[in-house]
C-alpha atoms as a PDB file:
ATOM      1  CA  MET A   1     -44.038 -27.406  37.298  1.00  0.00           C
ATOM      2  CA  THR A   2     -42.139 -30.171  38.293  1.00  0.00           C
ATOM      3  CA  ARG A   3     -39.912 -32.363  36.430  1.00  0.00           C
ATOM      4  CA  PHE A   4     -42.029 -34.976  36.746  1.00  0.00           C
ATOM      5  CA  ASN A   5     -45.167 -33.213  35.643  1.00  0.00           C
ATOM      6  CA  GLN A   6     -43.042 -31.812  32.382  1.00  0.00           C
ATOM      7  CA  ILE A   7     -42.394 -35.371  31.531  1.00  0.00           C
ATOM      8  CA  LEU A   8     -45.935 -36.509  31.968  1.00  0.00           C
ATOM      9  CA  THR A   9     -47.138 -33.930  30.005  1.00  0.00           C
ATOM     10  CA  SER A  10     -44.845 -34.214  27.122  1.00  0.00           C
ATOM     11  CA  SER A  11     -45.482 -38.002  27.090  1.00  0.00           C
ATOM     12  CA  PHE A  12     -49.090 -37.316  26.848  1.00  0.00           C
ATOM     13  CA  PHE A  13     -48.891 -34.854  24.224  1.00  0.00           C
ATOM     14  CA  ALA A  14     -46.777 -37.323  22.110  1.00  0.00           C
ATOM     15  CA  VAL A  15     -49.005 -40.482  22.454  1.00  0.00           C
ATOM     16  CA  VAL A  16     -52.095 -38.556  21.164  1.00  0.00           C
ATOM     17  CA  LEU A  17     -50.183 -36.969  18.151  1.00  0.00           C
ATOM     18  CA  THR A  18     -48.636 -40.078  17.593  1.00  0.00           C
ATOM     19  CA  SER A  19     -51.798 -41.797  17.220  1.00  0.00           C
ATOM     20  CA  SER A  20     -53.444 -39.291  15.298  1.00  0.00           C
ATOM     21  CA  VAL A  21     -50.923 -38.548  12.655  1.00  0.00           C
ATOM     22  CA  ALA A  22     -48.690 -41.894  12.158  1.00  0.00           C
ATOM     23  CA  SER A  23     -50.366 -42.831   8.730  1.00  0.00           C
ATOM     24  CA  ALA A  24     -50.841 -39.375   7.097  1.00  0.00           C
ATOM     25  CA  ALA A  25     -49.957 -38.733   3.774  1.00  0.00           C
ATOM     26  CA  LEU A  26     -48.941 -35.189   2.178  1.00  0.00           C
ATOM     27  CA  LEU A  27     -51.822 -33.594   0.210  1.00  0.00           C
ATOM     28  CA  THR A  28     -50.291 -32.391  -2.935  1.00  0.00           C
ATOM     29  CA  GLY A  29     -50.954 -32.159  -6.720  1.00  0.00           C
ATOM     30  CA  SER A  30     -54.563 -31.965  -7.622  1.00  0.00           C
ATOM     31  CA  GLY A  31     -57.634 -34.238  -8.471  1.00  0.00           C
ATOM     32  CA  PRO A  32     -61.383 -34.257  -8.971  1.00  0.00           C
ATOM     33  CA  HIS A  33     -62.339 -35.829  -5.725  1.00  0.00           C
ATOM     34  CA  LEU A  34     -60.364 -35.959  -2.255  1.00  0.00           C
ATOM     35  CA  SER A  35     -59.853 -39.263  -1.218  1.00  0.00           C
ATOM     36  CA  VAL A  36     -62.635 -40.619   0.999  1.00  0.00           C
ATOM     37  CA  PRO A  37     -61.017 -41.720   4.784  1.00  0.00           C
ATOM     38  CA  SER A  38     -62.103 -44.844   6.296  1.00  0.00           C
ATOM     39  CA  ILE A  39     -63.093 -43.644   9.848  1.00  0.00           C
ATOM     40  CA  GLY A  40     -65.220 -40.975  11.194  1.00  0.00           C
ATOM     41  CA  LEU A  41     -64.550 -37.676  12.933  1.00  0.00           C
ATOM     42  CA  PRO A  42     -62.443 -38.055  16.068  1.00  0.00           C
ATOM     43  CA  SER A  43     -63.004 -36.267  19.538  1.00  0.00           C
ATOM     44  CA  ALA A  44     -62.149 -32.556  18.962  1.00  0.00           C
ATOM     45  CA  LEU A  45     -63.022 -29.350  20.457  1.00  0.00           C
ATOM     46  CA  PRO A  46     -64.450 -26.561  18.150  1.00  0.00           C
ATOM     47  CA  THR A  47     -63.282 -22.766  18.638  1.00  0.00           C
ATOM     48  CA  ALA A  48     -64.962 -20.550  20.966  1.00  0.00           C
ATOM     49  CA  VAL A  49     -65.649 -17.230  19.327  1.00  0.00           C
ATOM     50  CA  THR A  50     -65.989 -13.448  20.503  1.00  0.00           C
ATOM     51  CA  GLY A  51     -66.313 -10.530  18.424  1.00  0.00           C
ATOM     52  CA  ASN A  52     -67.881  -9.870  15.039  1.00  0.00           C
ATOM     53  CA  ALA A  53     -68.139 -12.914  13.336  1.00  0.00           C
ATOM     54  CA  VAL A  54     -69.553 -11.728  10.115  1.00  0.00           C
ATOM     55  CA  SER A  55     -67.578  -8.988   9.493  1.00  0.00           C
ATOM     56  CA  GLY A  56     -64.533  -9.125  11.558  1.00  0.00           C
ATOM     57  CA  PRO A  57     -62.422  -8.687  13.695  1.00  0.00           C
ATOM     58  CA  TRP A  58     -62.868 -11.956  16.081  1.00  0.00           C
ATOM     59  CA  GLN A  59     -61.000 -13.876  18.464  1.00  0.00           C
ATOM     60  CA  GLY A  60     -61.085 -17.805  18.625  1.00  0.00           C
ATOM     61  CA  SER A  61     -59.887 -19.691  21.663  1.00  0.00           C
ATOM     62  CA  TRP A  62     -59.432 -23.123  23.208  1.00  0.00           C
ATOM     63  CA  ALA A  63     -59.543 -24.048  26.668  1.00  0.00           C
ATOM     64  CA  SER A  64     -59.278 -27.481  28.771  1.00  0.00           C
ATOM     65  CA  PRO A  65     -59.990 -30.525  27.351  1.00  0.00           C
ATOM     66  CA  ALA A  66     -57.928 -29.377  24.561  1.00  0.00           C
ATOM     67  CA  LEU A  67     -54.325 -30.713  24.659  1.00  0.00           C
ATOM     68  CA  PRO A  68     -51.685 -28.017  26.063  1.00  0.00           C
ATOM     69  CA  GLY A  69     -50.275 -26.865  22.868  1.00  0.00           C
ATOM     70  CA  TRP A  70     -53.603 -25.705  21.470  1.00  0.00           C
ATOM     71  CA  ILE A  71     -54.933 -23.844  24.798  1.00  0.00           C
ATOM     72  CA  GLY A  72     -54.963 -20.075  24.148  1.00  0.00           C
ATOM     73  CA  SER A  73     -56.186 -17.434  21.739  1.00  0.00           C
ATOM     74  CA  TYR A  74     -55.805 -16.197  18.394  1.00  0.00           C
ATOM     75  CA  ASP A  75     -56.990 -13.135  16.461  1.00  0.00           C
ATOM     76  CA  VAL A  76     -58.708 -13.048  13.100  1.00  0.00           C
ATOM     77  CA  GLY A  77     -59.207 -10.175  10.750  1.00  0.00           C
ATOM     78  CA  GLY A  78     -62.393 -10.445   8.368  1.00  0.00           C
ATOM     79  CA  PRO A  79     -65.496 -12.610   8.533  1.00  0.00           C
ATOM     80  CA  GLN A  80     -65.899 -16.212  10.168  1.00  0.00           C
ATOM     81  CA  PRO A  81     -65.904 -18.375   7.125  1.00  0.00           C
ATOM     82  CA  ALA A  82     -69.050 -20.622   8.716  1.00  0.00           C
ATOM     83  CA  GLY A  83     -72.692 -20.010   8.806  1.00  0.00           C
ATOM     84  CA  THR A  84     -74.908 -19.068   6.126  1.00  0.00           C
ATOM     85  CA  GLY A  85     -74.871 -15.028   6.556  1.00  0.00           C
ATOM     86  CA  ASN A  86     -73.202 -12.794   4.185  1.00  0.00           C
ATOM     87  CA  ASN A  87     -69.973 -13.467   5.655  1.00  0.00           C
ATOM     88  CA  THR A  88     -67.787 -14.361   2.735  1.00  0.00           C
ATOM     89  CA  GLY A  89     -64.294 -12.911   1.786  1.00  0.00           C
ATOM     90  CA  THR A  90     -60.979 -13.365   3.111  1.00  0.00           C
ATOM     91  CA  SER A  91     -59.946 -13.828   6.725  1.00  0.00           C
ATOM     92  CA  GLU A  92     -56.487 -13.471   8.276  1.00  0.00           C
ATOM     93  CA  TYR A  93     -55.334 -15.648  11.211  1.00  0.00           C
ATOM     94  CA  ASP A  94     -52.826 -14.680  13.492  1.00  0.00           C
ATOM     95  CA  PHE A  95     -51.796 -17.358  15.852  1.00  0.00           C
ATOM     96  CA  THR A  96     -48.641 -15.699  17.479  1.00  0.00           C
ATOM     97  CA  LEU A  97     -50.638 -14.996  20.707  1.00  0.00           C
ATOM     98  CA  MET A  98     -50.870 -18.680  21.510  1.00  0.00           C
ATOM     99  CA  ALA A  99     -48.734 -20.274  23.978  1.00  0.00           C
ATOM    100  CA  ASN A 100     -45.903 -21.569  21.638  1.00  0.00           C
ATOM    101  CA  GLY A 101     -46.664 -18.564  19.226  1.00  0.00           C
ATOM    102  CA  GLU A 102     -48.023 -20.805  16.613  1.00  0.00           C
ATOM    103  CA  LEU A 103     -50.913 -23.385  15.423  1.00  0.00           C
ATOM    104  CA  PRO A 104     -49.482 -26.654  16.367  1.00  0.00           C
ATOM    105  CA  VAL A 105     -49.008 -29.651  13.915  1.00  0.00           C
ATOM    106  CA  GLY A 106     -51.999 -31.776  14.130  1.00  0.00           C
ATOM    107  CA  THR A 107     -54.725 -29.290  14.419  1.00  0.00           C
ATOM    108  CA  TYR A 108     -57.967 -30.554  12.436  1.00  0.00           C
ATOM    109  CA  PHE A 109     -58.793 -28.282   9.499  1.00  0.00           C
ATOM    110  CA  ARG A 110     -62.817 -28.842   9.126  1.00  0.00           C
ATOM    111  CA  PHE A 111     -64.918 -28.521   5.901  1.00  0.00           C
ATOM    112  CA  GLY A 112     -68.641 -28.858   5.970  1.00  0.00           C
ATOM    113  CA  ASP A 113     -70.886 -29.072   3.077  1.00  0.00           C
ATOM    114  CA  LEU A 114     -68.659 -28.304   0.411  1.00  0.00           C
ATOM    115  CA  ASP A 115     -70.506 -29.239  -2.909  1.00  0.00           C
ATOM    116  CA  GLN A 116     -72.749 -27.625  -5.244  1.00  0.00           C
ATOM    117  CA  GLY A 117     -76.194 -28.104  -3.697  1.00  0.00           C
ATOM    118  CA  SER A 118     -76.470 -24.295  -3.077  1.00  0.00           C
ATOM    119  CA  GLY A 119     -75.672 -23.695  -6.731  1.00  0.00           C
ATOM    120  CA  THR A 120     -73.024 -21.089  -5.805  1.00  0.00           C
ATOM    121  CA  ALA A 121     -69.319 -21.276  -6.412  1.00  0.00           C
ATOM    122  CA  GLU A 122     -68.479 -23.177  -2.949  1.00  0.00           C
ATOM    123  CA  ILE A 123     -64.640 -22.551  -3.010  1.00  0.00           C
ATOM    124  CA  PHE A 124     -62.170 -22.288  -0.248  1.00  0.00           C
ATOM    125  CA  THR A 125     -58.370 -21.056  -0.844  1.00  0.00           C
ATOM    126  CA  LEU A 126     -55.796 -21.525   2.091  1.00  0.00           C
ATOM    127  CA  THR A 127     -52.549 -19.890   2.466  1.00  0.00           C
ATOM    128  CA  ALA A 128     -50.370 -20.705   5.440  1.00  0.00           C
ATOM    129  CA  TYR A 129     -47.332 -18.845   6.932  1.00  0.00           C
ATOM    130  CA  ASP A 130     -44.710 -19.619   9.551  1.00  0.00           C
ATOM    131  CA  SER A 131     -42.267 -17.046  11.107  1.00  0.00           C
ATOM    132  CA  THR A 132     -40.009 -17.173   7.946  1.00  0.00           C
ATOM    133  CA  GLY A 133     -42.659 -16.266   5.317  1.00  0.00           C
ATOM    134  CA  GLN A 134     -45.174 -18.141   3.346  1.00  0.00           C
ATOM    135  CA  ILE A 135     -45.056 -22.022   3.710  1.00  0.00           C
ATOM    136  CA  THR A 136     -44.402 -23.297   0.299  1.00  0.00           C
ATOM    137  CA  THR A 137     -44.064 -26.846   0.768  1.00  0.00           C
ATOM    138  CA  PRO A 138     -47.284 -29.155   1.417  1.00  0.00           C
ATOM    139  CA  TRP A 139     -48.408 -28.329   4.624  1.00  0.00           C
ATOM    140  CA  LEU A 140     -51.682 -30.116   4.862  1.00  0.00           C
ATOM    141  CA  ASP A 141     -52.211 -34.082   4.770  1.00  0.00           C
ATOM    142  CA  GLU A 142     -54.776 -35.900   3.043  1.00  0.00           C
ATOM    143  CA  PRO A 143     -58.404 -36.268   4.619  1.00  0.00           C
ATOM    144  CA  ALA A 144     -58.216 -38.601   7.801  1.00  0.00           C
ATOM    145  CA  TRP A 145     -61.897 -38.393   8.962  1.00  0.00           C
ATOM    146  CA  VAL A 146     -65.220 -37.898   7.371  1.00  0.00           C
ATOM    147  CA  SER A 147     -68.822 -38.030   8.751  1.00  0.00           C
ATOM    148  CA  GLY A 148     -72.468 -37.296   7.679  1.00  0.00           C
ATOM    149  CA  THR A 149     -74.754 -38.621   5.162  1.00  0.00           C
ATOM    150  CA  GLY A 150     -73.243 -39.193   1.633  1.00  0.00           C
ATOM    151  CA  THR A 151     -74.876 -40.329  -1.746  1.00  0.00           C
ATOM    152  CA  GLY A 152     -73.834 -44.021  -1.424  1.00  0.00           C
ATOM    153  CA  THR A 153     -75.870 -46.955  -0.456  1.00  0.00           C
ATOM    154  CA  GLY A 154     -77.078 -46.615   3.462  1.00  0.00           C
ATOM    155  CA  GLY A 155     -75.873 -42.911   3.257  1.00  0.00           C
ATOM    156  CA  ALA A 156     -72.202 -43.927   2.933  1.00  0.00           C
ATOM    157  CA  VAL A 157     -69.638 -41.332   1.950  1.00  0.00           C
ATOM    158  CA  THR A 158     -68.409 -42.117  -1.623  1.00  0.00           C
ATOM    159  CA  LEU A 159     -65.583 -40.669  -3.912  1.00  0.00           C
ATOM    160  CA  ASN A 160     -68.120 -38.277  -5.775  1.00  0.00           C
ATOM    161  CA  ASP A 161     -69.230 -36.820  -2.410  1.00  0.00           C
ATOM    162  CA  MET A 162     -65.645 -35.284  -1.837  1.00  0.00           C
ATOM    163  CA  PRO A 163     -64.694 -31.988  -3.335  1.00  0.00           C
ATOM    164  CA  SER A 164     -61.637 -31.388  -5.744  1.00  0.00           C
ATOM    165  CA  TRP A 165     -58.436 -30.036  -4.661  1.00  0.00           C
ATOM    166  CA  SER A 166     -55.222 -28.391  -6.144  1.00  0.00           C
ATOM    167  CA  TYR A 167     -52.023 -27.549  -4.557  1.00  0.00           C
ATOM    168  CA  SER A 168     -49.457 -25.091  -5.892  1.00  0.00           C
ATOM    169  CA  ALA A 169     -46.734 -23.399  -4.320  1.00  0.00           C
ATOM    170  CA  GLY A 170     -48.186 -23.566  -0.788  1.00  0.00           C
ATOM    171  CA  VAL A 171     -51.717 -22.583  -1.836  1.00  0.00           C
ATOM    172  CA  TYR A 172     -54.463 -24.962  -1.408  1.00  0.00           C
ATOM    173  CA  THR A 173     -57.733 -24.749  -3.340  1.00  0.00           C
ATOM    174  CA  PHE A 174     -60.899 -26.867  -2.592  1.00  0.00           C
ATOM    175  CA  ASP A 175     -63.692 -26.831  -4.714  1.00  0.00           C
ATOM    176  CA  GLY A 176     -67.254 -28.294  -4.389  1.00  0.00           C
ATOM    177  CA  SER A 177     -68.322 -28.125  -8.076  1.00  0.00           C
ATOM    178  CA  THR A 178     -67.158 -31.620  -8.773  1.00  0.00           C
ATOM    179  CA  VAL A 179     -69.455 -32.986  -6.253  1.00  0.00           C
ATOM    180  CA  SER A 180     -72.399 -34.697  -7.641  1.00  0.00           C
ATOM    181  CA  GLY A 181     -75.790 -34.458  -5.625  1.00  0.00           C
ATOM    182  CA  ASN A 182     -76.279 -32.823  -2.359  1.00  0.00           C
ATOM    183  CA  PRO A 183     -74.310 -34.843   0.234  1.00  0.00           C
ATOM    184  CA  ASN A 184     -74.412 -33.598   3.597  1.00  0.00           C
ATOM    185  CA  ILE A 185     -70.940 -34.511   5.159  1.00  0.00           C
ATOM    186  CA  SER A 186     -68.010 -33.129   6.887  1.00  0.00           C
ATOM    187  CA  PHE A 187     -64.225 -33.888   6.417  1.00  0.00           C
ATOM    188  CA  MET A 188     -61.108 -33.131   8.386  1.00  0.00           C
ATOM    189  CA  LEU A 189     -57.408 -32.558   7.201  1.00  0.00           C
ATOM    190  CA  THR A 190     -54.510 -32.006   9.569  1.00  0.00           C
ATOM    191  CA  ASN A 191     -51.562 -29.581   9.202  1.00  0.00           C
ATOM    192  CA  ASN A 192     -48.198 -31.060   9.366  1.00  0.00           C
ATOM    193  CA  THR A 193     -46.434 -27.895   9.724  1.00  0.00           C
ATOM    194  CA  ALA A 194     -46.651 -25.276  12.642  1.00  0.00           C
ATOM    195  CA  ILE A 195     -48.426 -22.265  11.486  1.00  0.00           C
ATOM    196  CA  THR A 196     -48.359 -18.546  12.635  1.00  0.00           C
ATOM    197  CA  GLN A 197     -50.694 -16.881  10.102  1.00  0.00           C
ATOM    198  CA  LEU A 198     -53.270 -18.407   7.960  1.00  0.00           C
ATOM    199  CA  VAL A 199     -55.282 -16.752   5.173  1.00  0.00           C
ATOM    200  CA  VAL A 200     -58.631 -18.344   4.288  1.00  0.00           C
ATOM    201  CA  THR A 201     -60.827 -17.075   1.529  1.00  0.00           C
ATOM    202  CA  ARG A 202     -64.637 -18.392   1.240  1.00  0.00           C
ATOM    203  CA  LEU A 203     -66.443 -17.423  -2.175  1.00  0.00           C
ATOM    204  CA  SER A 204     -69.939 -18.936  -0.751  1.00  0.00           C
ATOM    205  CA  GLY A 205     -71.715 -18.752   2.636  1.00  0.00           C
ATOM    206  CA  TYR A 206     -73.130 -21.998   2.279  1.00  0.00           C
ATOM    207  CA  ALA A 207     -69.740 -24.026   2.709  1.00  0.00           C
ATOM    208  CA  ASN A 208     -68.113 -23.977   6.094  1.00  0.00           C
ATOM    209  CA  PHE A 209     -64.636 -23.983   7.430  1.00  0.00           C
ATOM    210  CA  SER A 210     -63.274 -24.301  10.852  1.00  0.00           C
ATOM    211  CA  LEU A 211     -60.355 -25.156  13.148  1.00  0.00           C
ATOM    212  CA  LEU A 212     -60.621 -27.564  15.944  1.00  0.00           C
ATOM    213  CA  ALA A 213     -58.337 -28.706  18.428  1.00  0.00           C
ATOM    214  CA  PRO A 214     -57.536 -32.156  19.542  1.00  0.00           C
ATOM    215  CA  ILE A 215     -58.479 -33.407  22.748  1.00  0.00           C
ATOM    216  CA  PRO A 216     -57.476 -36.977  24.519  1.00  0.00           C
ATOM    217  CA  GLU A 217     -58.807 -40.103  22.820  1.00  0.00           C
ATOM    218  CA  PRO A 218     -59.869 -42.924  25.519  1.00  0.00           C
ATOM    219  CA  ALA A 219     -57.013 -45.212  24.217  1.00  0.00           C
ATOM    220  CA  SER A 220     -54.250 -42.619  24.351  1.00  0.00           C
ATOM    221  CA  LEU A 221     -55.534 -41.796  27.946  1.00  0.00           C
ATOM    222  CA  ALA A 222     -55.138 -45.469  29.014  1.00  0.00           C
ATOM    223  CA  MET A 223     -51.610 -45.685  27.334  1.00  0.00           C
ATOM    224  CA  LEU A 224     -50.762 -42.581  29.093  1.00  0.00           C
ATOM    225  CA  THR A 225     -52.077 -43.631  32.479  1.00  0.00           C
ATOM    226  CA  LEU A 226     -50.230 -46.949  32.194  1.00  0.00           C
ATOM    227  CA  SER A 227     -46.810 -45.014  31.113  1.00  0.00           C
ATOM    228  CA  SER A 228     -47.327 -42.796  34.083  1.00  0.00           C
ATOM    229  CA  LEU A 229     -47.763 -45.488  36.657  1.00  0.00           C
ATOM    230  CA  ALA A 230     -44.730 -47.285  35.503  1.00  0.00           C
ATOM    231  CA  MET A 231     -42.597 -43.896  35.524  1.00  0.00           C
ATOM    232  CA  LEU A 232     -43.859 -43.224  39.145  1.00  0.00           C
ATOM    233  CA  LYS A 233     -42.967 -46.675  40.254  1.00  0.00           C
ATOM    234  CA  ARG A 234     -39.650 -46.329  38.979  1.00  0.00           C
ATOM    235  CA  ARG A 235     -39.171 -43.007  40.631  1.00  0.00           C
ATOM    236  CA  ARG A 236     -40.312 -44.651  43.946  1.00  0.00           C
ATOM    237  CA  MET A 237     -37.911 -47.503  43.668  1.00  0.00           C
ATOM    238  CA  ALA A 238     -34.780 -45.464  42.815  1.00  0.00           C
END
């Protein structure tokens, strides 16, 4: 890769991440309902899955158009925490096979249908690790995106449609038992710390969790194009 292309790729990565995480606030403490973000879900790439998703092991991967830091594969032992099959329990994600040996900052942590509509305990717990061991500082940010049909006027998502959360010593718990009614929404949080391993426990087969990779937003792409043209012009004039 030429130095110009390296600069181009780095600029592209920085522009998109800056636009997506600039206003994020740490998710810490606890409460009966997560905050309701004001915008819908961003452009993102779901994981492609191979292997036994119900009982594990399985492998997730991202390819283009995911941003460069996310392109690659990761291994998971245990069931995929999505779908309505009997794939509940604990799953251990290993991101050391990815390009940088980690899950980058700014990954989308997506939760879907996390409420009590099924009459079961729809609860997730998440624990993250870096190369030195368990991460014990807040490693997720408050919800930034939501979509779907809530219980508000015209299907608007309200505070009562969001699950409770608690954070303690690096472990997050998300509990749908505080949700009133039976909304059909998805929401996303992002990680603010690079992760090498992730442990996810799902207690019900009706709520879903998945990881999504960011892809270029049109506005970010336009900014990158203008920046790239300016750099190219300066190189030609030099």
